[in-house]
Protein backbone atom coordinates (compact mmCIF):
# COMPACT_ATOMS: atom_id res chain seq x y z
CA MET A 1 -0.13 -0.35 -0.36
CA PRO A 2 1.10 3.92 -0.42
CA LEU A 3 2.43 4.94 2.66
CA LYS A 4 -0.28 7.81 2.54
CA THR A 5 -3.44 6.50 4.12
CA ALA A 6 -5.89 9.25 3.07
CA ALA A 7 -7.81 8.86 0.57
CA ILE A 8 -6.87 11.22 -2.30
CA ILE A 9 -10.37 12.01 -3.72
CA LYS A 10 -10.91 13.81 -7.08
CA LYS A 11 -13.29 15.87 -8.09
CA GLN A 12 -14.11 17.12 -11.65
CA GLY A 13 -12.26 20.35 -12.10
CA ASP A 14 -10.81 20.50 -9.02
CA GLU A 15 -6.87 18.95 -10.44
CA MET A 16 -3.51 20.73 -9.96
CA ILE A 17 -2.96 19.62 -13.66
CA GLU A 18 -4.89 18.82 -16.99
CA ILE A 19 -2.77 18.12 -19.45
CA ARG A 20 -4.70 17.49 -22.98
CA SER A 21 -3.61 16.36 -26.27
CA LEU A 22 0.28 17.62 -25.79
CA SER A 23 2.47 16.95 -28.43
CA LYS A 24 6.02 17.79 -29.18
CA SER A 25 8.51 17.05 -31.20
CA TYR A 26 11.94 17.13 -32.36
CA GLY A 27 11.67 17.37 -36.18
CA LYS A 28 10.55 13.98 -37.82
CA LEU A 29 10.84 12.67 -34.48
CA LYS A 30 7.33 12.62 -32.60
CA VAL A 31 8.20 12.64 -29.05
CA LEU A 32 5.06 13.15 -27.39
CA LYS A 33 1.67 11.22 -29.17
CA GLY A 34 -0.97 12.87 -27.48
CA ILE A 35 -0.41 12.78 -23.84
CA ASP A 36 -4.18 13.50 -21.36
CA LEU A 37 -3.00 13.08 -18.07
CA ASP A 38 -4.80 14.59 -14.50
CA VAL A 39 -2.67 15.28 -11.27
CA ALA A 40 -5.06 15.86 -8.51
CA PRO A 41 -3.69 18.38 -5.17
CA SER A 42 -1.65 16.39 -3.30
CA GLU A 43 -0.86 13.13 -5.90
CA VAL A 44 1.90 11.75 -6.08
CA VAL A 45 2.05 10.04 -10.32
CA VAL A 46 5.43 7.95 -10.69
CA ILE A 47 5.93 7.51 -14.24
CA ILE A 48 8.00 4.39 -15.76
CA GLY A 49 9.46 3.40 -19.11
CA ALA A 50 11.98 2.74 -20.93
CA SER A 51 14.53 5.28 -22.41
CA GLY A 52 13.41 7.40 -24.61
CA SER A 53 9.50 7.19 -24.47
CA GLY A 54 9.37 10.69 -23.55
CA LYS A 55 8.69 10.86 -19.97
CA SER A 56 11.47 13.33 -18.79
CA THR A 57 10.37 15.36 -21.87
CA LEU A 58 6.75 15.30 -20.66
CA LEU A 59 8.40 17.07 -17.70
CA ARG A 60 10.23 18.85 -19.11
CA CYS A 61 7.13 20.25 -20.96
CA ILE A 62 4.85 20.58 -17.75
CA ASN A 63 7.74 23.30 -16.67
CA PHE A 64 7.32 25.11 -20.04
CA LEU A 65 11.66 24.53 -19.93
CA GLU A 66 10.08 22.41 -23.89
CA LYS A 67 7.78 24.09 -25.98
CA ALA A 68 4.73 21.50 -26.88
CA GLN A 69 4.06 21.99 -30.97
CA LYS A 70 0.15 21.20 -30.10
CA GLY A 71 -2.27 20.38 -26.80
CA THR A 72 -2.74 22.62 -23.48
CA ILE A 73 -0.88 22.82 -19.49
CA THR A 74 -3.65 23.29 -17.42
CA ILE A 75 -2.07 24.52 -14.42
CA GLU A 76 -4.78 25.46 -10.64
CA GLY A 77 -7.04 26.29 -13.10
CA LYS A 78 -4.93 28.37 -15.55
CA THR A 79 -4.40 27.40 -19.09
CA VAL A 80 -0.26 28.35 -19.80
CA THR A 81 1.59 28.33 -22.89
CA HIS A 82 4.92 30.02 -23.66
CA LYS A 83 3.77 32.98 -25.00
CA SER A 84 1.42 33.64 -21.21
CA LYS A 85 2.95 36.61 -19.71
CA ASN A 86 2.70 35.01 -16.23
CA LEU A 87 4.57 32.39 -17.35
CA HIS A 88 7.60 32.71 -14.63
CA LEU A 89 4.89 33.44 -12.09
CA ILE A 90 3.28 29.95 -13.07
CA ARG A 91 6.59 28.71 -12.93
CA LYS A 92 7.76 29.64 -10.20
CA GLU A 93 4.47 26.45 -8.72
CA VAL A 94 6.33 24.08 -10.24
CA GLY A 95 9.86 23.05 -8.44
CA MET A 96 11.55 20.40 -10.59
CA VAL A 97 14.75 18.57 -9.11
CA PHE A 98 16.95 16.85 -12.51
CA GLN A 99 19.40 13.93 -12.85
CA HIS A 100 22.49 15.96 -12.63
CA PHE A 101 22.22 18.47 -9.06
CA ASN A 102 22.92 21.93 -11.13
CA LEU A 103 24.48 23.22 -8.27
CA PHE A 104 26.80 26.33 -8.62
CA PRO A 105 30.38 24.67 -7.68
CA HIS A 106 31.16 29.02 -6.81
CA MET A 107 28.96 29.00 -4.52
CA THR A 108 28.46 27.13 -0.63
CA VAL A 109 25.52 24.86 0.19
CA MET A 110 23.00 28.02 1.75
CA ASN A 111 23.87 29.99 -1.01
CA ASN A 112 23.06 28.17 -3.58
CA VAL A 113 19.52 27.35 -1.88
CA ILE A 114 19.15 30.75 -1.56
CA GLU A 115 20.33 31.98 -4.71
CA GLY A 116 16.37 32.31 -6.04
CA LEU A 117 15.08 33.87 -3.47
CA ILE A 118 17.01 36.82 -3.46
CA GLN A 119 17.23 37.03 -7.29
CA VAL A 120 13.13 35.90 -8.35
CA LYS A 121 11.76 36.91 -4.80
CA LYS A 122 13.10 39.81 -4.36
CA MET A 123 14.03 38.46 -0.40
CA SER A 124 16.30 39.73 1.97
CA ARG A 125 19.44 38.10 2.84
CA GLU A 126 18.79 37.89 6.51
CA GLU A 127 15.25 36.10 5.55
CA ALA A 128 16.85 33.78 2.58
CA LEU A 129 19.19 32.88 4.92
CA GLU A 130 16.46 31.84 7.91
CA LEU A 131 14.06 30.16 4.70
CA GLY A 132 17.26 28.63 3.67
CA ARG A 133 18.82 27.24 6.58
CA ALA A 134 14.31 25.47 7.43
CA MET A 135 15.02 24.29 4.08
CA LEU A 136 17.73 22.27 4.22
CA GLU A 137 16.86 21.45 8.41
CA LYS A 138 14.52 19.16 6.33
CA VAL A 139 16.64 17.51 4.14
CA GLY A 140 18.85 16.83 6.26
CA MET A 141 21.94 18.31 5.23
CA SER A 142 22.00 21.65 8.04
CA ASP A 143 25.34 20.42 9.26
CA LYS A 144 26.58 20.43 5.85
CA ALA A 145 25.29 24.99 4.72
CA ASP A 146 28.81 26.04 4.76
CA VAL A 147 31.07 23.72 2.77
CA TYR A 148 30.88 23.68 -1.50
CA PRO A 149 29.30 21.26 -3.06
CA ALA A 150 32.35 19.57 -4.53
CA MET A 151 32.68 18.81 -0.70
CA ILE A 152 29.43 16.50 -0.51
CA SER A 153 28.41 13.63 -1.85
CA GLY A 154 25.78 13.35 -5.02
CA GLY A 155 23.18 12.00 -2.37
CA GLN A 156 24.08 14.69 -0.49
CA LYS A 157 24.33 17.21 -3.50
CA GLN A 158 20.23 15.76 -4.61
CA ARG A 159 19.46 16.79 -1.47
CA VAL A 160 20.40 20.04 -1.82
CA ALA A 161 18.74 20.94 -4.79
CA ILE A 162 15.38 19.74 -3.29
CA ALA A 163 15.88 22.40 -0.90
CA ARG A 164 16.74 24.69 -3.12
CA ALA A 165 13.91 23.84 -5.51
CA LEU A 166 11.60 23.58 -2.07
CA ALA A 167 12.82 26.81 -0.71
CA MET A 168 10.58 28.47 -3.63
CA ASN A 169 7.45 26.94 -2.16
CA PRO A 170 6.50 24.99 -4.87
CA LYS A 171 2.72 23.83 -4.82
CA ILE A 172 3.92 20.97 -7.12
CA MET A 173 7.13 19.19 -7.64
CA LEU A 174 8.89 17.70 -10.51
CA PHE A 175 11.36 14.91 -10.19
CA ASP A 176 13.48 14.00 -13.44
CA GLU A 177 15.21 10.66 -12.21
CA PRO A 178 16.40 11.51 -9.47
CA THR A 179 18.33 8.53 -8.74
CA SER A 180 19.82 7.76 -12.07
CA ALA A 181 23.75 9.84 -11.40
CA LEU A 182 23.92 8.25 -7.95
CA ASP A 183 26.39 5.16 -6.67
CA PRO A 184 23.59 3.04 -4.98
CA GLU A 185 24.76 3.39 -1.30
CA LEU A 186 23.65 6.64 -1.85
CA VAL A 187 19.97 6.28 -3.52
CA GLY A 188 17.73 5.83 0.14
CA GLU A 189 18.22 9.02 1.50
CA VAL A 190 17.25 11.17 -1.73
CA LEU A 191 13.79 8.86 -2.08
CA HIS A 192 13.45 9.11 2.10
CA VAL A 193 13.74 13.04 1.23
CA MET A 194 10.87 12.43 -0.65
CA LYS A 195 9.18 9.63 0.54
CA ASP A 196 9.00 12.58 3.31
CA LEU A 197 7.71 15.10 1.28
CA ALA A 198 4.54 12.71 -0.06
CA VAL A 199 2.98 11.62 3.04
CA GLU A 200 3.29 16.20 3.92
CA GLY A 201 0.91 16.01 1.11
CA MET A 202 3.12 17.58 -1.53
CA THR A 203 2.11 16.92 -5.33
CA MET A 204 4.88 15.20 -6.79
CA VAL A 205 5.13 13.78 -10.39
CA VAL A 206 8.39 11.17 -10.72
CA VAL A 207 10.04 9.80 -13.45
CA THR A 208 11.90 7.50 -12.13
CA HIS A 209 13.37 3.46 -11.98
CA GLU A 210 12.97 3.23 -9.21
CA MET A 211 10.43 0.42 -8.95
CA GLY A 212 10.67 -0.36 -5.11
CA PHE A 213 9.46 3.80 -4.67
CA ALA A 214 6.84 3.63 -6.68
CA ARG A 215 5.38 0.30 -5.04
CA GLU A 216 5.51 1.88 -2.17
CA VAL A 217 4.67 5.68 -2.42
CA ALA A 218 2.87 5.94 -5.58
CA ASP A 219 -0.79 7.27 -5.68
CA ARG A 220 -0.93 6.23 -9.39
CA VAL A 221 1.98 4.07 -11.56
CA ILE A 222 1.75 5.74 -15.15
CA TYR A 223 4.07 3.25 -17.76
CA MET A 224 4.89 5.52 -20.90
CA ASP A 225 6.71 3.89 -24.37
CA GLU A 226 6.21 5.75 -27.48
CA GLY A 227 5.50 8.72 -26.68
CA GLN A 228 2.21 7.50 -25.09
CA ILE A 229 0.60 7.01 -22.29
CA VAL A 230 -0.06 3.07 -22.23
CA GLU A 231 -0.60 2.16 -18.87
CA GLN A 232 -2.37 3.48 -15.58
CA GLY A 233 -2.91 2.23 -11.88
CA THR A 234 -2.51 2.12 -8.88
CA PRO A 235 0.58 0.37 -7.62
CA GLU A 236 -0.73 -3.34 -7.10
CA GLU A 237 -2.61 -3.19 -10.68
CA VAL A 238 0.20 -2.26 -12.32
CA PHE A 239 3.08 -4.04 -11.02
CA ASP A 240 1.09 -7.22 -9.96
CA ASN A 241 -2.34 -7.46 -12.63
CA PRO A 242 -0.70 -5.14 -15.35
CA GLN A 243 -2.75 -5.29 -18.92
CA ASN A 244 -0.91 -4.60 -21.73
CA GLU A 245 1.18 -6.25 -23.24
CA ARG A 246 3.67 -3.60 -24.09
CA THR A 247 3.66 -3.01 -19.92
CA GLN A 248 4.49 -7.33 -19.73
CA ALA A 249 6.88 -6.83 -21.38
CA PHE A 250 8.76 -4.41 -19.25
CA LEU A 251 7.88 -4.93 -16.03
CA SER A 252 9.70 -8.55 -16.81
CA HIS A 253 12.30 -7.24 -17.66
CA ILE A 254 13.39 -5.11 -14.68
CA ILE A 255 11.16 -6.52 -11.56
């Protein structure tokens, strides 16, 4: 059973994310083919699938790092495009953590966390430091506030990246294979932070190869293949009784 005991109750029109007919191509290569997806408030959706299936591109479209050719993305009832005047405001609502940590090597851990608060949210340094300390404590990194990224492990860097995203107070967190660049012994510490976020009710869309995490934490698991959502359901439905042949073939190779 997922970690969260409270059921996700979905009502028509109250979705945190609504995606309709989303299509994305690179030249002649069709990466996303008419994706339809709703994500409810506090829902944890885990997307699985082979490399090249469109998972990461979907996340990047949700955060408007990639421009889809067709379809709509609605965040909290507001349909957004790259031409939207309030695009930067919508982006503030959506935090993203990547495979690679993208920390500034010349800045301390604390300065990495508070840079966006000062530059984007225009907080005073004192306010930013107070919030930065709280976020680093949340991810178990308060003792590393004054060190530089080169002095900490990959798992610790990823936890700093999560703290940096959380400091912006997003309503949605996107995770793009956050543990894939880590040594196996470091994966657990990052997943632990993500599990805590799920329990707290953060709306999350996670692309991952960590099937144990998906089974334990997800409210819904989505299997993507060749730019399409092939199957979705509870972890038990997808992992224990997959209906689609492509889902069955994929899971037979990894479980």
